[in-house]
N, C-alpha and C. Protein backbone atom coordinates (compact mmCIF):
# COMPACT_ATOMS: atom_id res chain seq x y z
N MET A 1 -26.51 22.11 31.93
CA MET A 1 -25.57 22.17 30.84
C MET A 1 -26.00 21.17 29.77
N SER A 2 -26.06 21.65 28.55
CA SER A 2 -26.55 20.83 27.44
C SER A 2 -25.45 20.66 26.39
N VAL A 3 -25.35 19.46 25.87
CA VAL A 3 -24.37 19.17 24.84
C VAL A 3 -25.11 18.95 23.53
N ASP A 4 -24.80 19.78 22.56
CA ASP A 4 -25.42 19.64 21.24
C ASP A 4 -24.41 19.04 20.28
N ILE A 5 -24.84 18.04 19.55
CA ILE A 5 -23.98 17.36 18.58
C ILE A 5 -24.42 17.76 17.19
N ASP A 6 -23.47 18.23 16.42
CA ASP A 6 -23.75 18.58 15.02
C ASP A 6 -23.61 17.31 14.19
N TRP A 7 -24.74 16.62 13.97
CA TRP A 7 -24.72 15.33 13.31
C TRP A 7 -24.30 15.43 11.85
N SER A 8 -24.57 16.53 11.19
CA SER A 8 -24.14 16.66 9.79
C SER A 8 -22.61 16.77 9.70
N ALA A 9 -21.99 17.47 10.64
CA ALA A 9 -20.52 17.54 10.67
C ALA A 9 -19.93 16.17 11.01
N PHE A 10 -20.57 15.45 11.92
CA PHE A 10 -20.11 14.10 12.26
C PHE A 10 -20.19 13.20 11.04
N LEU A 11 -21.27 13.28 10.28
CA LEU A 11 -21.42 12.48 9.07
C LEU A 11 -20.38 12.85 8.02
N GLN A 12 -20.08 14.13 7.89
CA GLN A 12 -19.06 14.56 6.94
C GLN A 12 -17.70 13.99 7.30
N VAL A 13 -17.34 14.04 8.56
CA VAL A 13 -16.05 13.51 9.00
C VAL A 13 -16.00 12.00 8.80
N PHE A 14 -17.09 11.32 9.13
CA PHE A 14 -17.15 9.87 8.95
C PHE A 14 -16.97 9.49 7.48
N LEU A 15 -17.70 10.15 6.60
CA LEU A 15 -17.60 9.83 5.17
C LEU A 15 -16.22 10.17 4.61
N ALA A 16 -15.64 11.27 5.05
CA ALA A 16 -14.30 11.64 4.58
C ALA A 16 -13.27 10.60 5.02
N ALA A 17 -13.38 10.14 6.26
CA ALA A 17 -12.45 9.13 6.77
C ALA A 17 -12.64 7.81 6.03
N LEU A 18 -13.87 7.42 5.80
CA LEU A 18 -14.15 6.18 5.09
C LEU A 18 -13.64 6.22 3.65
N ILE A 19 -13.91 7.29 2.95
CA ILE A 19 -13.45 7.43 1.57
C ILE A 19 -11.93 7.50 1.52
N GLY A 20 -11.32 8.23 2.43
CA GLY A 20 -9.86 8.33 2.46
C GLY A 20 -9.20 7.00 2.73
N ALA A 21 -9.74 6.25 3.68
CA ALA A 21 -9.17 4.93 4.00
C ALA A 21 -9.32 3.98 2.82
N CYS A 22 -10.48 4.00 2.20
CA CYS A 22 -10.69 3.13 1.02
C CYS A 22 -9.75 3.51 -0.12
N ALA A 23 -9.54 4.80 -0.33
CA ALA A 23 -8.65 5.24 -1.40
C ALA A 23 -7.21 4.80 -1.14
N VAL A 24 -6.74 4.96 0.09
CA VAL A 24 -5.37 4.57 0.41
C VAL A 24 -5.19 3.07 0.24
N VAL A 25 -6.11 2.28 0.76
CA VAL A 25 -6.00 0.83 0.65
C VAL A 25 -6.08 0.38 -0.80
N THR A 26 -6.98 0.97 -1.57
CA THR A 26 -7.14 0.60 -2.98
C THR A 26 -5.88 0.92 -3.77
N PHE A 27 -5.37 2.13 -3.64
CA PHE A 27 -4.19 2.50 -4.41
C PHE A 27 -2.96 1.72 -3.97
N TYR A 28 -2.84 1.42 -2.68
CA TYR A 28 -1.69 0.65 -2.22
C TYR A 28 -1.74 -0.78 -2.75
N SER A 29 -2.91 -1.41 -2.68
CA SER A 29 -3.01 -2.79 -3.18
C SER A 29 -2.84 -2.84 -4.69
N LEU A 30 -3.36 -1.85 -5.41
CA LEU A 30 -3.16 -1.80 -6.85
C LEU A 30 -1.68 -1.58 -7.17
N GLY A 31 -1.01 -0.74 -6.38
CA GLY A 31 0.42 -0.51 -6.57
C GLY A 31 1.23 -1.77 -6.34
N LEU A 32 0.88 -2.54 -5.31
CA LEU A 32 1.58 -3.81 -5.07
C LEU A 32 1.34 -4.79 -6.21
N ARG A 33 0.11 -4.84 -6.69
CA ARG A 33 -0.21 -5.75 -7.80
C ARG A 33 0.59 -5.37 -9.05
N LEU A 34 0.66 -4.10 -9.35
CA LEU A 34 1.43 -3.66 -10.52
C LEU A 34 2.92 -3.89 -10.31
N LEU A 35 3.39 -3.74 -9.09
CA LEU A 35 4.80 -3.98 -8.79
C LEU A 35 5.16 -5.44 -9.04
N VAL A 36 4.29 -6.34 -8.65
CA VAL A 36 4.52 -7.77 -8.89
C VAL A 36 4.45 -8.07 -10.38
N ARG A 37 3.50 -7.47 -11.09
CA ARG A 37 3.38 -7.70 -12.54
C ARG A 37 4.60 -7.17 -13.30
N SER A 38 5.25 -6.16 -12.74
CA SER A 38 6.43 -5.61 -13.41
C SER A 38 7.66 -6.47 -13.17
N GLY A 39 7.53 -7.52 -12.35
CA GLY A 39 8.65 -8.42 -12.10
C GLY A 39 9.48 -8.04 -10.91
N ARG A 40 8.98 -7.16 -10.06
CA ARG A 40 9.73 -6.72 -8.87
C ARG A 40 8.94 -7.05 -7.62
N ALA A 41 8.74 -8.33 -7.40
CA ALA A 41 7.98 -8.75 -6.22
C ALA A 41 8.77 -8.39 -4.97
N PRO A 42 8.11 -7.71 -4.01
CA PRO A 42 8.82 -7.35 -2.78
C PRO A 42 9.05 -8.57 -1.90
N VAL A 43 10.29 -8.79 -1.52
CA VAL A 43 10.65 -9.86 -0.60
C VAL A 43 11.23 -9.18 0.64
N VAL A 44 10.62 -9.44 1.79
CA VAL A 44 11.01 -8.77 3.02
C VAL A 44 11.90 -9.70 3.83
N SER A 45 13.02 -9.19 4.26
CA SER A 45 13.93 -10.00 5.08
C SER A 45 13.35 -10.17 6.47
N PRO A 46 13.71 -11.26 7.13
CA PRO A 46 13.16 -11.49 8.47
C PRO A 46 13.67 -10.47 9.48
N ALA A 47 12.83 -10.22 10.47
CA ALA A 47 13.20 -9.29 11.54
C ALA A 47 13.05 -10.00 12.87
N GLU A 48 13.67 -9.45 13.87
CA GLU A 48 13.58 -10.03 15.21
C GLU A 48 12.36 -9.46 15.92
N PHE A 49 11.48 -10.34 16.35
CA PHE A 49 10.28 -9.95 17.07
C PHE A 49 10.20 -10.75 18.36
N THR A 50 9.17 -10.49 19.10
CA THR A 50 8.94 -11.28 20.30
C THR A 50 8.51 -12.68 19.91
N ASP A 51 8.36 -13.55 20.88
CA ASP A 51 7.97 -14.92 20.62
C ASP A 51 6.54 -15.04 20.10
N ALA A 52 5.77 -13.98 20.21
CA ALA A 52 4.37 -14.05 19.80
C ALA A 52 4.23 -14.04 18.27
N ILE A 53 5.25 -13.62 17.57
CA ILE A 53 5.18 -13.50 16.11
C ILE A 53 6.16 -14.48 15.49
N THR A 54 5.69 -15.24 14.51
CA THR A 54 6.55 -16.19 13.83
C THR A 54 7.36 -15.46 12.76
N VAL A 55 8.64 -15.72 12.72
CA VAL A 55 9.53 -15.08 11.77
C VAL A 55 10.04 -16.15 10.82
N ILE A 56 10.12 -15.82 9.52
CA ILE A 56 10.63 -16.80 8.58
C ILE A 56 12.14 -16.92 8.73
N THR A 57 12.64 -18.07 8.39
CA THR A 57 14.07 -18.32 8.51
C THR A 57 14.79 -17.80 7.28
N GLU A 58 16.10 -17.77 7.34
CA GLU A 58 16.90 -17.34 6.19
C GLU A 58 16.68 -18.26 5.00
N LYS A 59 16.52 -19.56 5.26
CA LYS A 59 16.28 -20.52 4.19
C LYS A 59 14.95 -20.22 3.48
N GLU A 60 13.92 -19.92 4.27
CA GLU A 60 12.63 -19.57 3.68
C GLU A 60 12.69 -18.26 2.90
N LEU A 61 13.50 -17.32 3.39
CA LEU A 61 13.68 -16.06 2.68
C LEU A 61 14.36 -16.29 1.33
N ARG A 62 15.40 -17.11 1.32
CA ARG A 62 16.09 -17.41 0.06
C ARG A 62 15.15 -18.11 -0.92
N ARG A 63 14.34 -19.03 -0.40
CA ARG A 63 13.39 -19.74 -1.25
C ARG A 63 12.37 -18.76 -1.84
N ALA A 64 11.87 -17.82 -1.03
CA ALA A 64 10.90 -16.84 -1.52
C ALA A 64 11.52 -15.93 -2.57
N ALA A 65 12.78 -15.52 -2.35
CA ALA A 65 13.46 -14.68 -3.33
C ALA A 65 13.68 -15.44 -4.63
N LYS A 66 14.02 -16.71 -4.52
CA LYS A 66 14.23 -17.54 -5.71
C LYS A 66 12.92 -17.71 -6.49
N GLN A 67 11.82 -17.94 -5.77
CA GLN A 67 10.53 -18.07 -6.42
C GLN A 67 10.10 -16.76 -7.08
N ALA A 68 10.39 -15.63 -6.45
CA ALA A 68 10.04 -14.34 -7.03
C ALA A 68 10.84 -14.09 -8.31
N ALA A 69 12.12 -14.44 -8.29
CA ALA A 69 12.95 -14.28 -9.49
C ALA A 69 12.48 -15.20 -10.60
N LYS A 70 12.10 -16.41 -10.25
CA LYS A 70 11.60 -17.37 -11.24
C LYS A 70 10.29 -16.88 -11.84
N ALA A 71 9.40 -16.34 -11.01
CA ALA A 71 8.12 -15.81 -11.49
C ALA A 71 8.34 -14.61 -12.39
N ALA A 72 9.35 -13.79 -12.07
CA ALA A 72 9.64 -12.62 -12.90
C ALA A 72 10.12 -13.04 -14.28
N LYS A 73 10.87 -14.14 -14.36
CA LYS A 73 11.35 -14.62 -15.65
C LYS A 73 10.21 -15.20 -16.49
N LYS A 74 9.18 -15.76 -15.84
CA LYS A 74 8.07 -16.38 -16.54
C LYS A 74 7.01 -15.38 -16.99
N SER A 75 7.16 -14.13 -16.66
CA SER A 75 6.14 -13.13 -16.95
C SER A 75 5.88 -13.03 -18.45
N PRO A 76 4.60 -13.07 -18.86
CA PRO A 76 4.29 -12.98 -20.29
C PRO A 76 4.36 -11.55 -20.83
N LEU A 77 4.64 -10.60 -19.97
CA LEU A 77 4.67 -9.20 -20.39
C LEU A 77 5.97 -8.88 -21.11
N THR A 78 5.87 -7.97 -22.07
CA THR A 78 7.07 -7.50 -22.75
C THR A 78 7.79 -6.52 -21.83
N GLU A 79 8.99 -6.12 -22.24
CA GLU A 79 9.76 -5.18 -21.42
C GLU A 79 9.05 -3.84 -21.30
N GLY A 80 8.42 -3.39 -22.37
CA GLY A 80 7.68 -2.14 -22.33
C GLY A 80 6.48 -2.21 -21.40
N GLN A 81 5.77 -3.34 -21.43
CA GLN A 81 4.63 -3.51 -20.54
C GLN A 81 5.08 -3.57 -19.08
N ARG A 82 6.21 -4.19 -18.83
CA ARG A 82 6.74 -4.22 -17.46
C ARG A 82 7.09 -2.81 -16.99
N ARG A 83 7.68 -2.02 -17.87
CA ARG A 83 8.04 -0.64 -17.51
C ARG A 83 6.79 0.17 -17.20
N ILE A 84 5.73 -0.01 -18.00
CA ILE A 84 4.48 0.71 -17.76
C ILE A 84 3.86 0.27 -16.43
N ALA A 85 3.90 -1.05 -16.14
CA ALA A 85 3.38 -1.54 -14.86
C ALA A 85 4.17 -0.96 -13.69
N LEU A 86 5.49 -0.85 -13.85
CA LEU A 86 6.31 -0.28 -12.78
C LEU A 86 5.99 1.20 -12.57
N LEU A 87 5.82 1.93 -13.64
CA LEU A 87 5.45 3.35 -13.52
C LEU A 87 4.06 3.49 -12.89
N GLY A 88 3.14 2.60 -13.26
CA GLY A 88 1.81 2.61 -12.64
C GLY A 88 1.87 2.33 -11.15
N ALA A 89 2.75 1.38 -10.78
CA ALA A 89 2.91 1.07 -9.35
C ALA A 89 3.44 2.28 -8.59
N TYR A 90 4.46 2.93 -9.14
CA TYR A 90 5.00 4.12 -8.48
C TYR A 90 3.94 5.22 -8.41
N GLY A 91 3.12 5.34 -9.45
CA GLY A 91 2.05 6.34 -9.45
C GLY A 91 1.02 6.05 -8.36
N CYS A 92 0.68 4.78 -8.19
CA CYS A 92 -0.28 4.40 -7.14
C CYS A 92 0.29 4.69 -5.75
N PHE A 93 1.58 4.38 -5.55
CA PHE A 93 2.19 4.67 -4.26
C PHE A 93 2.25 6.18 -4.02
N ALA A 94 2.48 6.95 -5.08
CA ALA A 94 2.48 8.41 -4.94
C ALA A 94 1.09 8.93 -4.56
N LEU A 95 0.05 8.35 -5.16
CA LEU A 95 -1.31 8.75 -4.80
C LEU A 95 -1.63 8.42 -3.34
N CYS A 96 -1.11 7.31 -2.86
CA CYS A 96 -1.27 6.97 -1.43
C CYS A 96 -0.62 8.04 -0.56
N ALA A 97 0.58 8.41 -0.92
CA ALA A 97 1.30 9.43 -0.14
C ALA A 97 0.57 10.76 -0.18
N VAL A 98 0.06 11.13 -1.35
CA VAL A 98 -0.68 12.39 -1.47
C VAL A 98 -1.94 12.36 -0.61
N ALA A 99 -2.65 11.23 -0.61
CA ALA A 99 -3.86 11.13 0.21
C ALA A 99 -3.55 11.25 1.69
N VAL A 100 -2.47 10.64 2.13
CA VAL A 100 -2.10 10.71 3.55
C VAL A 100 -1.68 12.13 3.92
N VAL A 101 -0.84 12.74 3.08
CA VAL A 101 -0.39 14.12 3.36
C VAL A 101 -1.57 15.09 3.32
N ALA A 102 -2.49 14.91 2.38
CA ALA A 102 -3.67 15.78 2.31
C ALA A 102 -4.52 15.64 3.57
N GLY A 103 -4.68 14.42 4.05
CA GLY A 103 -5.43 14.21 5.29
C GLY A 103 -4.78 14.89 6.48
N ILE A 104 -3.46 14.79 6.56
CA ILE A 104 -2.74 15.45 7.66
C ILE A 104 -2.87 16.96 7.55
N LEU A 105 -2.74 17.48 6.33
CA LEU A 105 -2.87 18.93 6.16
C LEU A 105 -4.28 19.42 6.50
N ILE A 106 -5.28 18.64 6.15
CA ILE A 106 -6.65 19.03 6.49
C ILE A 106 -6.83 19.08 8.00
N ILE A 107 -6.25 18.11 8.70
CA ILE A 107 -6.36 18.09 10.16
C ILE A 107 -5.61 19.25 10.78
N VAL A 108 -4.38 19.48 10.33
CA VAL A 108 -3.52 20.49 10.96
C VAL A 108 -3.92 21.91 10.55
N VAL A 109 -4.13 22.14 9.26
CA VAL A 109 -4.35 23.50 8.75
C VAL A 109 -5.84 23.82 8.64
N GLY A 110 -6.64 22.85 8.25
CA GLY A 110 -8.02 23.12 7.90
C GLY A 110 -9.02 23.21 9.01
N HIS A 111 -8.61 23.05 10.22
CA HIS A 111 -9.62 23.10 11.30
C HIS A 111 -9.87 24.53 11.62
């Protein structure tokens, strides 16, 4: 019994996965950057985890939210520029979602 590997198909799948992963990471990080520039820095509330993960306290959360609000007030961008940055952030997040859904559809439908 012989097993033949189609190396060109393997290379195609590898390159598609690499390009897809890079696209998702790039658009997500660009979206976060634009979200912060628009004055809407994401502040995540603490969650309960096991002892292996350090969780920030409520005091640290309030301090982070206060610093984010202070940074938003110091932004040199005009209101119009902030709105454009926010729309760009939402666009980047939408492109991430499209890339993920397209990958799932290719796996489910395209085989």
